[in-house]
Amino acid sequence: LLNIKFFNITQKDQIKSVEAGIERYFDGSLPDIITQLGVPQSIDYFGNLIGKNDYRLMDTVIVLKTPNFNYETYVLDKFFYNSIEGLPSHSFSVFKNRDVEAIRLSSIAGEIYQAVRRVARDNPNTARIYVVNDNQDVMNMVREQMPNIQYYMHQIHLNKSADSEKQKSPIA
């Protein structure tokens, strides 16, 4: 029916909710949806992708989550780079340090790049890559690593009032 193969990327602890969301949207079980649409689907998570070629024949990737690490990881990276460069590792304001922020953004961009490069590796057709991310600096870094891509930015406006109402409602 459709000539696409989807690969969804999220966090490890979100795989079940991504599957449930797809099943809710299409009103069926994931195996039945795949069979009915004739569209192969795979869901995997950041941290399980680098060097993996299981998705090389997929032509569509959807990145559903920003691959953030604990902030301490970025701080430790900063200390490591300082030691290599012979710079002192002094204390600094954690959330306001430009070097730590640069490390954080490049780490996120690197994870996204590795994830999207898992698809269409042997496929001469065009790959479609959808990234849900609100950090344009990260997206610019990813785009720099992928020359000649066609890039389209779409704004998604969410109505959070429904979520707020659910949280305010008493549990029955």
Protein backbone atom coordinates (compact mmCIF):
# COMPACT_ATOMS: atom_id res chain seq x y z
CA LEU A 1 0.00 0.00 0.00
CA LEU A 2 2.52 2.62 1.14
CA ASN A 3 6.15 2.41 0.06
CA ILE A 4 7.67 3.60 3.34
CA LYS A 5 9.31 1.97 6.31
CA PHE A 6 9.15 3.85 9.63
CA PHE A 7 11.78 3.90 12.33
CA ASN A 8 10.82 5.72 15.54
CA ILE A 9 13.45 6.78 18.07
CA THR A 10 12.74 7.67 21.67
CA GLN A 11 14.11 7.01 25.15
CA LYS A 12 14.28 3.43 26.41
CA ASP A 13 11.60 4.00 29.05
CA GLN A 14 9.24 5.55 26.47
CA ILE A 15 9.08 2.67 23.97
CA LYS A 16 5.84 1.24 25.38
CA SER A 17 4.12 4.63 25.34
CA VAL A 18 5.21 5.22 21.72
CA GLU A 19 3.79 1.82 20.77
CA ALA A 20 0.58 2.62 22.66
CA GLY A 21 0.30 6.00 20.92
CA ILE A 22 0.61 4.40 17.49
CA GLU A 23 -1.95 1.75 18.44
CA ARG A 24 -4.36 4.38 19.77
CA TYR A 25 -3.98 6.54 16.66
CA PHE A 26 -4.63 3.65 14.25
CA ASP A 27 -7.05 1.84 16.59
CA GLY A 28 -5.39 -1.57 16.63
CA SER A 29 -2.40 -3.58 17.75
CA LEU A 30 0.99 -2.69 16.30
CA PRO A 31 1.42 -6.02 14.46
CA ASP A 32 -2.09 -5.66 12.95
CA ILE A 33 -1.40 -2.05 11.94
CA ILE A 34 1.85 -3.05 10.24
CA THR A 35 0.05 -5.85 8.39
CA GLN A 36 -2.96 -3.74 7.36
CA LEU A 37 -0.93 -0.76 6.17
CA GLY A 38 1.91 -2.80 4.76
CA VAL A 39 4.26 -0.35 6.48
CA PRO A 40 7.09 -1.86 8.51
CA GLN A 41 7.60 -0.12 11.87
CA SER A 42 10.50 -0.25 14.29
CA ILE A 43 10.94 1.53 17.58
CA ASP A 44 14.32 1.84 19.27
CA TYR A 45 15.99 4.12 21.76
CA PHE A 46 18.99 6.40 22.10
CA GLY A 47 21.94 4.51 23.50
CA ASN A 48 21.07 1.44 21.45
CA LEU A 49 21.76 2.81 17.98
CA ILE A 50 25.42 3.70 17.41
CA GLY A 51 26.95 1.29 14.91
CA LYS A 52 23.67 -0.57 14.45
CA ASN A 53 22.68 -1.36 10.86
CA ASP A 54 19.33 -3.03 11.53
CA TYR A 55 17.46 -0.05 10.08
CA ARG A 56 19.50 0.45 6.91
CA LEU A 57 16.53 -0.37 4.65
CA MET A 58 14.15 1.96 6.46
CA ASP A 59 13.50 5.22 4.63
CA THR A 60 11.72 7.28 7.28
CA VAL A 61 12.97 8.11 10.75
CA ILE A 62 11.05 9.97 13.43
CA VAL A 63 13.03 11.28 16.41
CA LEU A 64 10.48 11.71 19.16
CA LYS A 65 12.68 12.65 22.10
CA THR A 66 15.67 14.90 22.77
CA PRO A 67 18.53 12.68 23.96
CA ASN A 68 19.47 14.55 27.13
CA PHE A 69 21.93 13.07 29.60
CA ASN A 70 22.22 13.97 33.26
CA TYR A 71 23.71 17.44 33.52
CA GLU A 72 26.57 16.01 35.59
CA THR A 73 27.73 14.11 32.50
CA TYR A 74 28.33 17.36 30.65
CA VAL A 75 30.15 18.84 33.64
CA LEU A 76 32.42 15.79 33.83
CA ASP A 77 33.12 16.15 30.11
CA LYS A 78 34.11 19.78 30.75
CA PHE A 79 36.51 18.71 33.51
CA PHE A 80 37.95 16.04 31.19
CA TYR A 81 38.52 18.51 28.34
CA ASN A 82 40.11 20.98 30.77
CA SER A 83 42.54 18.31 31.98
CA ILE A 84 43.52 17.40 28.40
CA GLU A 85 44.14 21.05 27.59
CA GLY A 86 46.06 21.60 30.83
CA LEU A 87 43.47 24.06 32.09
CA PRO A 88 42.47 24.24 35.75
CA SER A 89 39.19 22.62 36.70
CA HIS A 90 37.69 25.28 38.88
CA SER A 91 34.19 25.57 40.19
CA PHE A 92 31.64 27.35 38.04
CA SER A 93 27.95 28.03 37.90
CA VAL A 94 26.68 24.79 36.46
CA PHE A 95 23.69 25.97 34.44
CA LYS A 96 25.35 29.17 33.22
CA ASN A 97 28.70 27.90 31.94
CA ARG A 98 29.07 28.43 28.18
CA ASP A 99 31.54 25.58 27.75
CA VAL A 100 29.28 23.07 29.49
CA GLU A 101 26.33 24.28 27.41
CA ALA A 102 28.37 23.86 24.21
CA ILE A 103 29.26 20.30 25.27
CA ARG A 104 25.59 19.58 26.06
CA LEU A 105 24.34 20.88 22.70
CA SER A 106 27.00 19.07 20.68
CA SER A 107 26.28 15.83 22.57
CA ILE A 108 22.57 16.10 21.78
CA ALA A 109 23.32 16.91 18.12
CA GLY A 110 25.72 13.94 17.92
CA GLU A 111 23.11 11.54 19.29
CA ILE A 112 20.45 12.80 16.87
CA TYR A 113 22.89 12.60 13.94
CA GLN A 114 23.85 9.01 14.81
CA ALA A 115 20.17 8.08 15.08
CA VAL A 116 19.09 9.55 11.75
CA ARG A 117 22.09 8.06 9.94
CA ARG A 118 20.82 4.56 10.75
CA VAL A 119 18.22 4.76 7.93
CA ALA A 120 18.55 4.56 4.14
CA ARG A 121 22.17 3.44 4.33
CA ASP A 122 21.93 1.16 1.29
CA ASN A 123 18.86 2.76 -0.16
CA PRO A 124 19.25 5.00 -3.23
CA ASN A 125 15.89 6.63 -2.47
CA THR A 126 15.49 9.78 -0.44
CA ALA A 127 15.17 9.37 3.32
CA ARG A 128 12.59 11.33 5.25
CA ILE A 129 13.76 12.51 8.65
CA TYR A 130 11.41 14.06 11.19
CA VAL A 131 12.89 15.46 14.38
CA VAL A 132 10.73 16.81 17.18
CA ASN A 133 13.07 19.27 18.89
CA ASP A 134 12.76 22.81 20.15
CA ASN A 135 16.46 23.72 20.07
CA GLN A 136 17.42 25.35 16.79
CA ASP A 137 21.14 25.38 17.71
CA VAL A 138 21.07 21.58 17.93
CA MET A 139 19.24 21.29 14.63
CA ASN A 140 21.75 23.61 12.96
CA MET A 141 24.61 21.37 14.17
CA VAL A 142 22.89 18.27 12.77
CA ARG A 143 22.22 20.03 9.46
CA GLU A 144 25.91 21.04 9.17
CA GLN A 145 26.80 17.34 9.24
CA MET A 146 24.34 16.55 6.46
CA PRO A 147 25.14 18.75 3.44
CA ASN A 148 22.69 18.82 0.54
CA ILE A 149 19.64 17.98 2.64
CA GLN A 150 16.34 19.69 2.08
CA TYR A 151 15.32 21.19 5.38
CA TYR A 152 11.84 22.30 6.35
CA MET A 153 10.97 23.69 9.74
CA HIS A 154 7.41 23.39 10.98
CA GLN A 155 6.08 24.91 14.14
CA ILE A 156 3.80 22.74 16.21
CA HIS A 157 1.49 24.59 18.54
CA LEU A 158 0.25 22.49 21.40
CA ASN A 159 -2.75 23.22 23.54
CA LYS A 160 -1.54 22.41 27.01
CA SER A 161 -4.76 23.43 28.72
CA ALA A 162 -6.22 19.91 28.34
CA ASP A 163 -3.18 18.44 30.08
CA SER A 164 -3.46 21.04 32.83
CA GLU A 165 -7.10 20.18 33.35
CA LYS A 166 -6.29 16.47 33.65
CA GLN A 167 -3.69 17.20 36.30
CA LYS A 168 -6.14 19.36 38.29
CA SER A 169 -8.91 16.76 38.23
CA PRO A 170 -9.26 14.59 41.32
CA ILE A 171 -8.44 10.91 40.91
CA ALA A 172 -11.60 8.84 40.83
